[in-house]
Amino acid sequence: MTVTTLENELLATWQRTFEAQRERMRALARRLAPEAFSARPAPDRWSAGQCIDHLTVSMGLYLDLMEPVIDEAAQKGDPPYDRGPLLGRLLLRALRAPGRRYPAPRKFRPRRSALDPDDVREDFDRQMDRMQRAVARCDGLALGRITMPWPVLRLVKISLAQAFELQTLHNDRHLDQAERAVRADDAPG
């Protein structure tokens, strides 16, 4: 018998969101030739492929820090969910603000400019598989109390709940950006 808790609903929501994001990425990669996938809509904007590559890099950096924390927390057991550290709440608020652009830290930037859609899709799928396994392994953990280093500045701590939520918001922002890049490339003139 499964006990339904706030955590379980969050986990289910994150799983559905990550799967929908995976489908958006696949649809985008399927419809584009490699040159269109790598075409930048403007010199200061990333191509659709670079947006997706950036998400792959970002998920990898987060997961490299999350997975050991999840392992440790699963062994300990903790009290129920709470809101998590203040900085994590501020980061979430910033990502929820529509239209705001934030420069990507160097280690989060796309790895290259000429990208093969199949390679990017495979890399993204691999990181998304890791992300979804991480979510599933968190069932029953105190996601708001378990903290991990923030990949941008490791001295700063965020909760696992905040990390997963940041990833869902971040993925949606850059999938939207990738879709806009493709529309800009398709535009006449």
C-alpha atoms as a PDB file:
ATOM      1  CA  MET A   1       0.000   0.000   0.000  1.00  0.00           C
ATOM      2  CA  THR A   2       1.402   3.410  -1.002  1.00  0.00           C
ATOM      3  CA  VAL A   3       0.854   6.343   1.306  1.00  0.00           C
ATOM      4  CA  THR A   4       0.053   9.485  -0.648  1.00  0.00           C
ATOM      5  CA  THR A   5       2.006  12.474   0.613  1.00  0.00           C
ATOM      6  CA  LEU A   6       2.868  15.895  -0.722  1.00  0.00           C
ATOM      7  CA  GLU A   7       6.260  14.481  -1.674  1.00  0.00           C
ATOM      8  CA  ASN A   8       4.749  11.713  -3.773  1.00  0.00           C
ATOM      9  CA  GLU A   9       2.571  14.196  -5.667  1.00  0.00           C
ATOM     10  CA  LEU A  10       5.608  16.397  -6.306  1.00  0.00           C
ATOM     11  CA  LEU A  11       7.594  13.416  -7.515  1.00  0.00           C
ATOM     12  CA  ALA A  12       4.795  12.375  -9.862  1.00  0.00           C
ATOM     13  CA  THR A  13       4.481  15.936 -11.172  1.00  0.00           C
ATOM     14  CA  TRP A  14       8.228  16.195 -11.792  1.00  0.00           C
ATOM     15  CA  GLN A  15       8.253  12.846 -13.571  1.00  0.00           C
ATOM     16  CA  ARG A  16       5.392  13.954 -15.873  1.00  0.00           C
ATOM     17  CA  THR A  17       7.101  17.297 -16.502  1.00  0.00           C
ATOM     18  CA  PHE A  18      10.446  15.711 -17.335  1.00  0.00           C
ATOM     19  CA  GLU A  19       8.771  13.238 -19.703  1.00  0.00           C
ATOM     20  CA  ALA A  20       6.880  16.065 -21.469  1.00  0.00           C
ATOM     21  CA  GLN A  21      10.156  17.983 -21.799  1.00  0.00           C
ATOM     22  CA  ARG A  22      11.833  14.936 -23.290  1.00  0.00           C
ATOM     23  CA  GLU A  23       9.053  14.693 -25.894  1.00  0.00           C
ATOM     24  CA  ARG A  24       9.372  18.404 -26.750  1.00  0.00           C
ATOM     25  CA  MET A  25      13.115  17.970 -27.293  1.00  0.00           C
ATOM     26  CA  ARG A  26      12.620  14.876 -29.449  1.00  0.00           C
ATOM     27  CA  ALA A  27      10.017  16.591 -31.620  1.00  0.00           C
ATOM     28  CA  LEU A  28      12.345  19.527 -32.141  1.00  0.00           C
ATOM     29  CA  ALA A  29      15.382  17.362 -32.947  1.00  0.00           C
ATOM     30  CA  ARG A  30      13.365  15.168 -35.359  1.00  0.00           C
ATOM     31  CA  ARG A  31      12.108  18.039 -37.439  1.00  0.00           C
ATOM     32  CA  LEU A  32      15.453  19.750 -38.040  1.00  0.00           C
ATOM     33  CA  ALA A  33      18.388  19.031 -40.306  1.00  0.00           C
ATOM     34  CA  PRO A  34      21.780  19.393 -38.582  1.00  0.00           C
ATOM     35  CA  GLU A  35      22.440  22.811 -40.127  1.00  0.00           C
ATOM     36  CA  ALA A  36      19.034  24.146 -38.998  1.00  0.00           C
ATOM     37  CA  PHE A  37      19.561  22.620 -35.544  1.00  0.00           C
ATOM     38  CA  SER A  38      22.841  24.551 -35.218  1.00  0.00           C
ATOM     39  CA  ALA A  39      21.655  27.803 -36.841  1.00  0.00           C
ATOM     40  CA  ARG A  40      21.747  30.748 -34.438  1.00  0.00           C
ATOM     41  CA  PRO A  41      18.828  33.178 -34.819  1.00  0.00           C
ATOM     42  CA  ALA A  42      21.152  36.072 -33.930  1.00  0.00           C
ATOM     43  CA  PRO A  43      24.858  36.342 -33.047  1.00  0.00           C
ATOM     44  CA  ASP A  44      24.031  36.777 -29.333  1.00  0.00           C
ATOM     45  CA  ARG A  45      21.427  33.966 -29.241  1.00  0.00           C
ATOM     46  CA  TRP A  46      21.919  30.228 -28.975  1.00  0.00           C
ATOM     47  CA  SER A  47      20.746  27.810 -31.642  1.00  0.00           C
ATOM     48  CA  ALA A  48      18.070  25.213 -30.844  1.00  0.00           C
ATOM     49  CA  GLY A  49      20.830  22.628 -30.504  1.00  0.00           C
ATOM     50  CA  GLN A  50      22.868  24.819 -28.173  1.00  0.00           C
ATOM     51  CA  CYS A  51      19.815  25.364 -25.955  1.00  0.00           C
ATOM     52  CA  ILE A  52      19.308  21.616 -25.635  1.00  0.00           C
ATOM     53  CA  ASP A  53      23.031  20.992 -25.168  1.00  0.00           C
ATOM     54  CA  HIS A  54      23.006  23.608 -22.393  1.00  0.00           C
ATOM     55  CA  LEU A  55      20.204  21.679 -20.668  1.00  0.00           C
ATOM     56  CA  THR A  56      22.174  18.451 -20.995  1.00  0.00           C
ATOM     57  CA  VAL A  57      25.231  20.088 -19.418  1.00  0.00           C
ATOM     58  CA  SER A  58      23.107  21.645 -16.664  1.00  0.00           C
ATOM     59  CA  MET A  59      21.321  18.414 -15.770  1.00  0.00           C
ATOM     60  CA  GLY A  60      24.654  16.603 -15.627  1.00  0.00           C
ATOM     61  CA  LEU A  61      26.158  19.175 -13.274  1.00  0.00           C
ATOM     62  CA  TYR A  62      23.098  19.039 -11.003  1.00  0.00           C
ATOM     63  CA  LEU A  63      22.907  15.245 -11.048  1.00  0.00           C
ATOM     64  CA  ASP A  64      26.598  14.816 -10.256  1.00  0.00           C
ATOM     65  CA  LEU A  65      25.879  16.629  -6.979  1.00  0.00           C
ATOM     66  CA  MET A  66      22.356  15.271  -6.384  1.00  0.00           C
ATOM     67  CA  GLU A  67      22.924  11.553  -6.726  1.00  0.00           C
ATOM     68  CA  PRO A  68      25.380  11.159  -3.803  1.00  0.00           C
ATOM     69  CA  VAL A  69      23.109  13.308  -1.615  1.00  0.00           C
ATOM     70  CA  ILE A  70      20.128  11.106  -2.511  1.00  0.00           C
ATOM     71  CA  ASP A  71      22.157   7.966  -1.702  1.00  0.00           C
ATOM     72  CA  GLU A  72      23.111   9.335   1.705  1.00  0.00           C
ATOM     73  CA  ALA A  73      19.605  10.576   2.515  1.00  0.00           C
ATOM     74  CA  ALA A  74      18.031   7.265   1.525  1.00  0.00           C
ATOM     75  CA  GLN A  75      20.209   5.540   4.118  1.00  0.00           C
ATOM     76  CA  LYS A  76      19.457   8.063   6.896  1.00  0.00           C
ATOM     77  CA  GLY A  77      15.742   8.814   6.625  1.00  0.00           C
ATOM     78  CA  ASP A  78      14.572  12.328   7.519  1.00  0.00           C
ATOM     79  CA  PRO A  79      11.459  14.183   8.731  1.00  0.00           C
ATOM     80  CA  PRO A  80       8.779  15.402   6.300  1.00  0.00           C
ATOM     81  CA  TYR A  81       9.068  17.949   3.523  1.00  0.00           C
ATOM     82  CA  ASP A  82       9.598  21.651   4.185  1.00  0.00           C
ATOM     83  CA  ARG A  83      10.421  24.710   2.082  1.00  0.00           C
ATOM     84  CA  GLY A  84      14.185  24.531   1.928  1.00  0.00           C
ATOM     85  CA  PRO A  85      16.892  27.199   2.097  1.00  0.00           C
ATOM     86  CA  LEU A  86      16.128  30.851   1.361  1.00  0.00           C
ATOM     87  CA  LEU A  87      18.498  31.103  -1.611  1.00  0.00           C
ATOM     88  CA  GLY A  88      16.720  28.203  -3.298  1.00  0.00           C
ATOM     89  CA  ARG A  89      13.376  29.978  -2.861  1.00  0.00           C
ATOM     90  CA  LEU A  90      14.876  33.151  -4.367  1.00  0.00           C
ATOM     91  CA  LEU A  91      16.301  31.205  -7.335  1.00  0.00           C
ATOM     92  CA  LEU A  92      12.897  29.640  -7.977  1.00  0.00           C
ATOM     93  CA  ARG A  93      11.200  33.037  -7.845  1.00  0.00           C
ATOM     94  CA  ALA A  94      13.737  34.431 -10.335  1.00  0.00           C
ATOM     95  CA  LEU A  95      13.235  31.546 -12.792  1.00  0.00           C
ATOM     96  CA  ARG A  96       9.458  31.918 -12.591  1.00  0.00           C
ATOM     97  CA  ALA A  97       9.697  35.571 -13.724  1.00  0.00           C
ATOM     98  CA  PRO A  98       8.723  35.573 -17.411  1.00  0.00           C
ATOM     99  CA  GLY A  99      10.986  37.259 -19.911  1.00  0.00           C
ATOM    100  CA  ARG A 100      14.022  37.627 -17.653  1.00  0.00           C
ATOM    101  CA  ARG A 101      17.353  36.539 -19.141  1.00  0.00           C
ATOM    102  CA  TYR A 102      20.271  35.398 -17.049  1.00  0.00           C
ATOM    103  CA  PRO A 103      23.754  34.759 -18.418  1.00  0.00           C
ATOM    104  CA  ALA A 104      24.801  31.120 -18.160  1.00  0.00           C
ATOM    105  CA  PRO A 105      27.889  30.509 -16.052  1.00  0.00           C
ATOM    106  CA  ARG A 106      30.776  29.253 -18.190  1.00  0.00           C
ATOM    107  CA  LYS A 107      30.529  25.628 -17.050  1.00  0.00           C
ATOM    108  CA  PHE A 108      26.813  25.589 -17.992  1.00  0.00           C
ATOM    109  CA  ARG A 109      27.298  26.815 -21.561  1.00  0.00           C
ATOM    110  CA  PRO A 110      26.803  24.576 -24.587  1.00  0.00           C
ATOM    111  CA  ARG A 111      29.870  22.511 -25.365  1.00  0.00           C
ATOM    112  CA  ARG A 112      30.003  23.326 -29.073  1.00  0.00           C
ATOM    113  CA  SER A 113      28.196  25.270 -31.791  1.00  0.00           C
ATOM    114  CA  ALA A 114      27.885  22.732 -34.644  1.00  0.00           C
ATOM    115  CA  LEU A 115      25.596  20.040 -33.285  1.00  0.00           C
ATOM    116  CA  ASP A 116      24.146  16.858 -34.692  1.00  0.00           C
ATOM    117  CA  PRO A 117      20.467  16.515 -33.649  1.00  0.00           C
ATOM    118  CA  ASP A 118      20.850  12.773 -33.023  1.00  0.00           C
ATOM    119  CA  ASP A 119      23.890  13.242 -30.774  1.00  0.00           C
ATOM    120  CA  VAL A 120      22.228  16.026 -28.799  1.00  0.00           C
ATOM    121  CA  ARG A 121      19.032  13.994 -28.455  1.00  0.00           C
ATOM    122  CA  GLU A 122      20.974  10.978 -27.169  1.00  0.00           C
ATOM    123  CA  ASP A 123      22.911  13.109 -24.666  1.00  0.00           C
ATOM    124  CA  PHE A 124      19.723  14.824 -23.491  1.00  0.00           C
ATOM    125  CA  ASP A 125      17.918  11.477 -23.172  1.00  0.00           C
ATOM    126  CA  ARG A 126      20.808  10.056 -21.138  1.00  0.00           C
ATOM    127  CA  GLN A 127      20.688  12.982 -18.681  1.00  0.00           C
ATOM    128  CA  MET A 128      16.887  12.906 -18.566  1.00  0.00           C
ATOM    129  CA  ASP A 129      17.025   9.171 -17.749  1.00  0.00           C
ATOM    130  CA  ARG A 130      19.378   9.991 -14.867  1.00  0.00           C
ATOM    131  CA  MET A 131      17.087  12.806 -13.721  1.00  0.00           C
ATOM    132  CA  GLN A 132      13.999  10.605 -13.741  1.00  0.00           C
ATOM    133  CA  ARG A 133      15.825   7.810 -11.875  1.00  0.00           C
ATOM    134  CA  ALA A 134      16.919  10.388  -9.293  1.00  0.00           C
ATOM    135  CA  VAL A 135      13.324  11.557  -8.860  1.00  0.00           C
ATOM    136  CA  ALA A 136      12.092   7.978  -8.430  1.00  0.00           C
ATOM    137  CA  ARG A 137      14.783   7.245  -5.833  1.00  0.00           C
ATOM    138  CA  CYS A 138      13.561  10.188  -3.738  1.00  0.00           C
ATOM    139  CA  ASP A 139      10.212   8.632  -2.868  1.00  0.00           C
ATOM    140  CA  GLY A 140       9.763   9.024   0.876  1.00  0.00           C
ATOM    141  CA  LEU A 141      12.746  11.341   1.388  1.00  0.00           C
ATOM    142  CA  ALA A 142      12.486  14.750   3.048  1.00  0.00           C
ATOM    143  CA  LEU A 143      13.133  16.699  -0.140  1.00  0.00           C
ATOM    144  CA  GLY A 144      12.875  20.116   1.485  1.00  0.00           C
ATOM    145  CA  ARG A 145      15.328  19.315   4.262  1.00  0.00           C
ATOM    146  CA  ILE A 146      17.979  17.444   2.315  1.00  0.00           C
ATOM    147  CA  THR A 147      20.418  19.945   0.869  1.00  0.00           C
ATOM    148  CA  MET A 148      23.021  19.789  -1.849  1.00  0.00           C
ATOM    149  CA  PRO A 149      25.555  22.270  -3.200  1.00  0.00           C
ATOM    150  CA  TRP A 150      24.226  24.612  -5.866  1.00  0.00           C
ATOM    151  CA  PRO A 151      26.298  23.778  -8.988  1.00  0.00           C
ATOM    152  CA  VAL A 152      26.890  27.452  -9.786  1.00  0.00           C
ATOM    153  CA  LEU A 153      28.445  28.241  -6.395  1.00  0.00           C
ATOM    154  CA  ARG A 154      29.030  25.120  -4.310  1.00  0.00           C
ATOM    155  CA  LEU A 155      29.232  26.999  -0.997  1.00  0.00           C
ATOM    156  CA  VAL A 156      25.532  27.780  -1.405  1.00  0.00           C
ATOM    157  CA  LYS A 157      23.087  25.028  -0.445  1.00  0.00           C
ATOM    158  CA  ILE A 158      19.685  24.305  -2.001  1.00  0.00           C
ATOM    159  CA  SER A 159      17.232  21.555  -1.134  1.00  0.00           C
ATOM    160  CA  LEU A 160      16.635  18.560  -3.393  1.00  0.00           C
ATOM    161  CA  ALA A 161      13.069  19.801  -3.875  1.00  0.00           C
ATOM    162  CA  GLN A 162      14.406  23.149  -5.037  1.00  0.00           C
ATOM    163  CA  ALA A 163      16.939  21.460  -7.323  1.00  0.00           C
ATOM    164  CA  PHE A 164      14.250  19.390  -9.066  1.00  0.00           C
ATOM    165  CA  GLU A 165      11.934  22.380  -9.354  1.00  0.00           C
ATOM    166  CA  LEU A 166      14.772  24.541 -10.710  1.00  0.00           C
ATOM    167  CA  GLN A 167      15.464  21.893 -13.353  1.00  0.00           C
ATOM    168  CA  THR A 168      11.826  21.723 -14.493  1.00  0.00           C
ATOM    169  CA  LEU A 169      11.629  25.512 -14.804  1.00  0.00           C
ATOM    170  CA  HIS A 170      15.060  25.781 -16.424  1.00  0.00           C
ATOM    171  CA  ASN A 171      14.287  23.038 -18.957  1.00  0.00           C
ATOM    172  CA  ASP A 172      11.012  24.700 -19.959  1.00  0.00           C
ATOM    173  CA  ARG A 173      12.699  28.096 -20.383  1.00  0.00           C
ATOM    174  CA  HIS A 174      15.358  26.723 -22.718  1.00  0.00           C
ATOM    175  CA  LEU A 175      13.033  24.425 -24.647  1.00  0.00           C
ATOM    176  CA  ASP A 176      10.902  27.536 -25.267  1.00  0.00           C
ATOM    177  CA  GLN A 177      14.078  29.353 -26.360  1.00  0.00           C
ATOM    178  CA  ALA A 178      15.019  26.471 -28.691  1.00  0.00           C
ATOM    179  CA  GLU A 179      11.557  26.545 -30.258  1.00  0.00           C
ATOM    180  CA  ARG A 180      11.821  30.335 -30.737  1.00  0.00           C
ATOM    181  CA  ALA A 181      15.251  29.882 -32.342  1.00  0.00           C
ATOM    182  CA  VAL A 182      13.740  27.460 -34.848  1.00  0.00           C
ATOM    183  CA  ARG A 183      10.818  29.781 -35.600  1.00  0.00           C
ATOM    184  CA  ALA A 184      13.263  32.665 -36.136  1.00  0.00           C
ATOM    185  CA  ASP A 185      15.304  30.469 -38.498  1.00  0.00           C
ATOM    186  CA  ASP A 186      12.109  29.497 -40.392  1.00  0.00           C
ATOM    187  CA  ALA A 187      11.004  33.110 -40.759  1.00  0.00           C
ATOM    188  CA  PRO A 188      11.251  34.602 -44.266  1.00  0.00           C
ATOM    189  CA  GLY A 189      14.106  37.042 -44.831  1.00  0.00           C
END
